[in-house]
C-alpha atoms as a PDB file:
ATOM      1  CA  MET A   1     -24.704 202.317  96.800  1.00  0.00           C
ATOM      2  CA  ALA A   2     -24.331 199.346  95.246  1.00  0.00           C
ATOM      3  CA  LEU A   3     -21.123 196.691  94.481  1.00  0.00           C
ATOM      4  CA  SER A   4     -20.081 196.018  90.911  1.00  0.00           C
ATOM      5  CA  LYS A   5     -18.351 192.550  90.630  1.00  0.00           C
ATOM      6  CA  THR A   6     -18.745 189.203  87.878  1.00  0.00           C
ATOM      7  CA  LEU A   7     -20.231 186.783  90.058  1.00  0.00           C
ATOM      8  CA  PRO A   8     -21.273 182.893  89.173  1.00  0.00           C
ATOM      9  CA  LEU A   9     -24.937 182.075  90.370  1.00  0.00           C
ATOM     10  CA  SER A  10     -25.911 178.387  91.101  1.00  0.00           C
ATOM     11  CA  THR A  11     -27.709 178.354  88.038  1.00  0.00           C
ATOM     12  CA  GLY A  12     -24.612 179.203  85.472  1.00  0.00           C
ATOM     13  CA  ALA A  13     -25.911 182.586  84.774  1.00  0.00           C
ATOM     14  CA  SER A  14     -23.269 185.349  86.302  1.00  0.00           C
ATOM     15  CA  ALA A  15     -24.781 188.300  88.291  1.00  0.00           C
ATOM     16  CA  THR A  16     -22.560 191.790  88.354  1.00  0.00           C
ATOM     17  CA  TYR A  17     -24.578 194.092  90.207  1.00  0.00           C
ATOM     18  CA  HIS A  18     -25.213 193.558  94.142  1.00  0.00           C
ATOM     19  CA  ARG A  19     -27.258 195.798  96.696  1.00  0.00           C
ATOM     20  CA  VAL A  20     -28.253 195.398  99.737  1.00  0.00           C
ATOM     21  CA  ILE A  21     -31.806 194.856 100.517  1.00  0.00           C
ATOM     22  CA  LYS A  22     -32.334 194.039 104.107  1.00  0.00           C
ATOM     23  CA  VAL A  23     -30.201 194.522 107.698  1.00  0.00           C
ATOM     24  CA  THR A  24     -31.072 192.410 110.676  1.00  0.00           C
ATOM     25  CA  VAL A  25     -28.919 193.488 113.588  1.00  0.00           C
ATOM     26  CA  ASP A  26     -28.524 191.709 116.458  1.00  0.00           C
ATOM     27  CA  VAL A  27     -27.742 194.596 119.284  1.00  0.00           C
ATOM     28  CA  THR A  28     -27.210 192.360 121.880  1.00  0.00           C
ATOM     29  CA  GLY A  29     -24.737 189.836 119.998  1.00  0.00           C
ATOM     30  CA  GLY A  30     -23.267 192.803 118.273  1.00  0.00           C
ATOM     31  CA  ARG A  31     -24.029 191.203 114.696  1.00  0.00           C
ATOM     32  CA  ALA A  32     -25.665 192.023 111.639  1.00  0.00           C
ATOM     33  CA  ILE A  33     -26.996 189.729 109.284  1.00  0.00           C
ATOM     34  CA  VAL A  34     -27.532 190.981 105.333  1.00  0.00           C
ATOM     35  CA  ARG A  35     -29.506 189.582 102.342  1.00  0.00           C
ATOM     36  CA  ILE A  36     -27.781 191.136  99.196  1.00  0.00           C
ATOM     37  CA  GLY A  37     -29.893 191.151  95.679  1.00  0.00           C
ATOM     38  CA  GLN A  38     -28.087 189.819  92.963  1.00  0.00           C
ATOM     39  CA  TYR A  39     -29.116 191.277  89.330  1.00  0.00           C
ATOM     40  CA  LEU A  40     -27.833 190.836  85.821  1.00  0.00           C
ATOM     41  CA  ASP A  41     -26.472 194.404  86.411  1.00  0.00           C
ATOM     42  CA  GLN A  42     -27.494 197.927  86.807  1.00  0.00           C
ATOM     43  CA  ALA A  43     -29.623 198.235  84.102  1.00  0.00           C
ATOM     44  CA  SER A  44     -32.133 195.094  85.552  1.00  0.00           C
ATOM     45  CA  ARG A  45     -31.689 196.868  88.442  1.00  0.00           C
ATOM     46  CA  ASP A  46     -32.927 200.671  87.844  1.00  0.00           C
ATOM     47  CA  ALA A  47     -35.689 198.720  85.407  1.00  0.00           C
ATOM     48  CA  GLY A  48     -37.606 197.181  88.557  1.00  0.00           C
ATOM     49  CA  LYS A  49     -36.563 193.865  87.975  1.00  0.00           C
ATOM     50  CA  GLU A  50     -36.359 191.653  90.823  1.00  0.00           C
ATOM     51  CA  PRO A  51     -33.252 189.690  91.775  1.00  0.00           C
ATOM     52  CA  MET A  52     -31.450 187.102  89.584  1.00  0.00           C
ATOM     53  CA  SER A  53     -30.488 185.896  93.517  1.00  0.00           C
ATOM     54  CA  THR A  54     -30.023 186.541  97.150  1.00  0.00           C
ATOM     55  CA  ARG A  55     -27.659 185.798  99.134  1.00  0.00           C
ATOM     56  CA  ASP A  56     -27.427 186.431 103.198  1.00  0.00           C
ATOM     57  CA  GLU A  57     -24.107 187.230 104.807  1.00  0.00           C
ATOM     58  CA  SER A  58     -23.423 187.926 108.411  1.00  0.00           C
ATOM     59  CA  PHE A  59     -20.598 189.633 110.110  1.00  0.00           C
ATOM     60  CA  ASP A  60     -19.655 190.992 113.433  1.00  0.00           C
ATOM     61  CA  LEU A  61     -20.128 195.059 113.999  1.00  0.00           C
ATOM     62  CA  PRO A  62     -17.630 197.794 115.494  1.00  0.00           C
ATOM     63  CA  SER A  63     -19.394 197.808 119.488  1.00  0.00           C
ATOM     64  CA  ALA A  64     -19.407 201.803 118.561  1.00  0.00           C
ATOM     65  CA  LEU A  65     -21.654 201.288 114.874  1.00  0.00           C
ATOM     66  CA  VAL A  66     -23.830 198.799 117.198  1.00  0.00           C
ATOM     67  CA  SER A  67     -24.180 201.513 120.121  1.00  0.00           C
ATOM     68  CA  SER A  68     -25.081 204.456 117.565  1.00  0.00           C
ATOM     69  CA  VAL A  69     -28.014 201.357 115.472  1.00  0.00           C
ATOM     70  CA  GLY A  70     -29.080 201.199 119.147  1.00  0.00           C
ATOM     71  CA  THR A  71     -29.813 204.838 120.481  1.00  0.00           C
ATOM     72  CA  ALA A  72     -31.532 205.574 117.087  1.00  0.00           C
ATOM     73  CA  ILE A  73     -33.807 202.662 117.156  1.00  0.00           C
ATOM     74  CA  TYR A  74     -35.225 203.367 120.561  1.00  0.00           C
ATOM     75  CA  GLY A  75     -34.592 207.290 119.117  1.00  0.00           C
ATOM     76  CA  GLU A  76     -37.525 205.906 117.001  1.00  0.00           C
ATOM     77  CA  LEU A  77     -39.809 204.137 119.239  1.00  0.00           C
ATOM     78  CA  LYS A  78     -40.221 207.305 121.379  1.00  0.00           C
ATOM     79  CA  THR A  79     -42.100 208.269 117.773  1.00  0.00           C
ATOM     80  CA  ILE A  80     -44.996 205.337 118.559  1.00  0.00           C
ATOM     81  CA  SER A  81     -47.123 206.761 120.505  1.00  0.00           C
ATOM     82  CA  ASP A  82     -47.125 203.735 122.829  1.00  0.00           C
ATOM     83  CA  PHE A  83     -43.615 204.793 123.701  1.00  0.00           C
ATOM     84  CA  ALA A  84     -43.717 209.117 123.303  1.00  0.00           C
ATOM     85  CA  ASP A  85     -42.976 209.483 127.052  1.00  0.00           C
ATOM     86  CA  ALA A  86     -40.242 206.405 127.677  1.00  0.00           C
ATOM     87  CA  VAL A  87     -37.583 208.191 129.519  1.00  0.00           C
ATOM     88  CA  ASP A  88     -33.759 206.171 128.768  1.00  0.00           C
ATOM     89  CA  VAL A  89     -32.623 203.989 131.489  1.00  0.00           C
END
């Protein structure tokens, strides 16, 4: 999934294809920081080109989503040998 919208970049060029390339979730604070790769177009991205630019956006997350992310992360942690026998508290 990506977003299509023509946005001017600081270089004077425009990007038309915007794809999330990294998400950082602050579970305690209930916020997300999203890094967006900005490409000339989808064909450039599909061809494996690097983004022309990246930008970070942050926003509050709904509490239900924060809870779901936290639950999923703890579940994944228990697949690591050090935490295999850990108990949810």
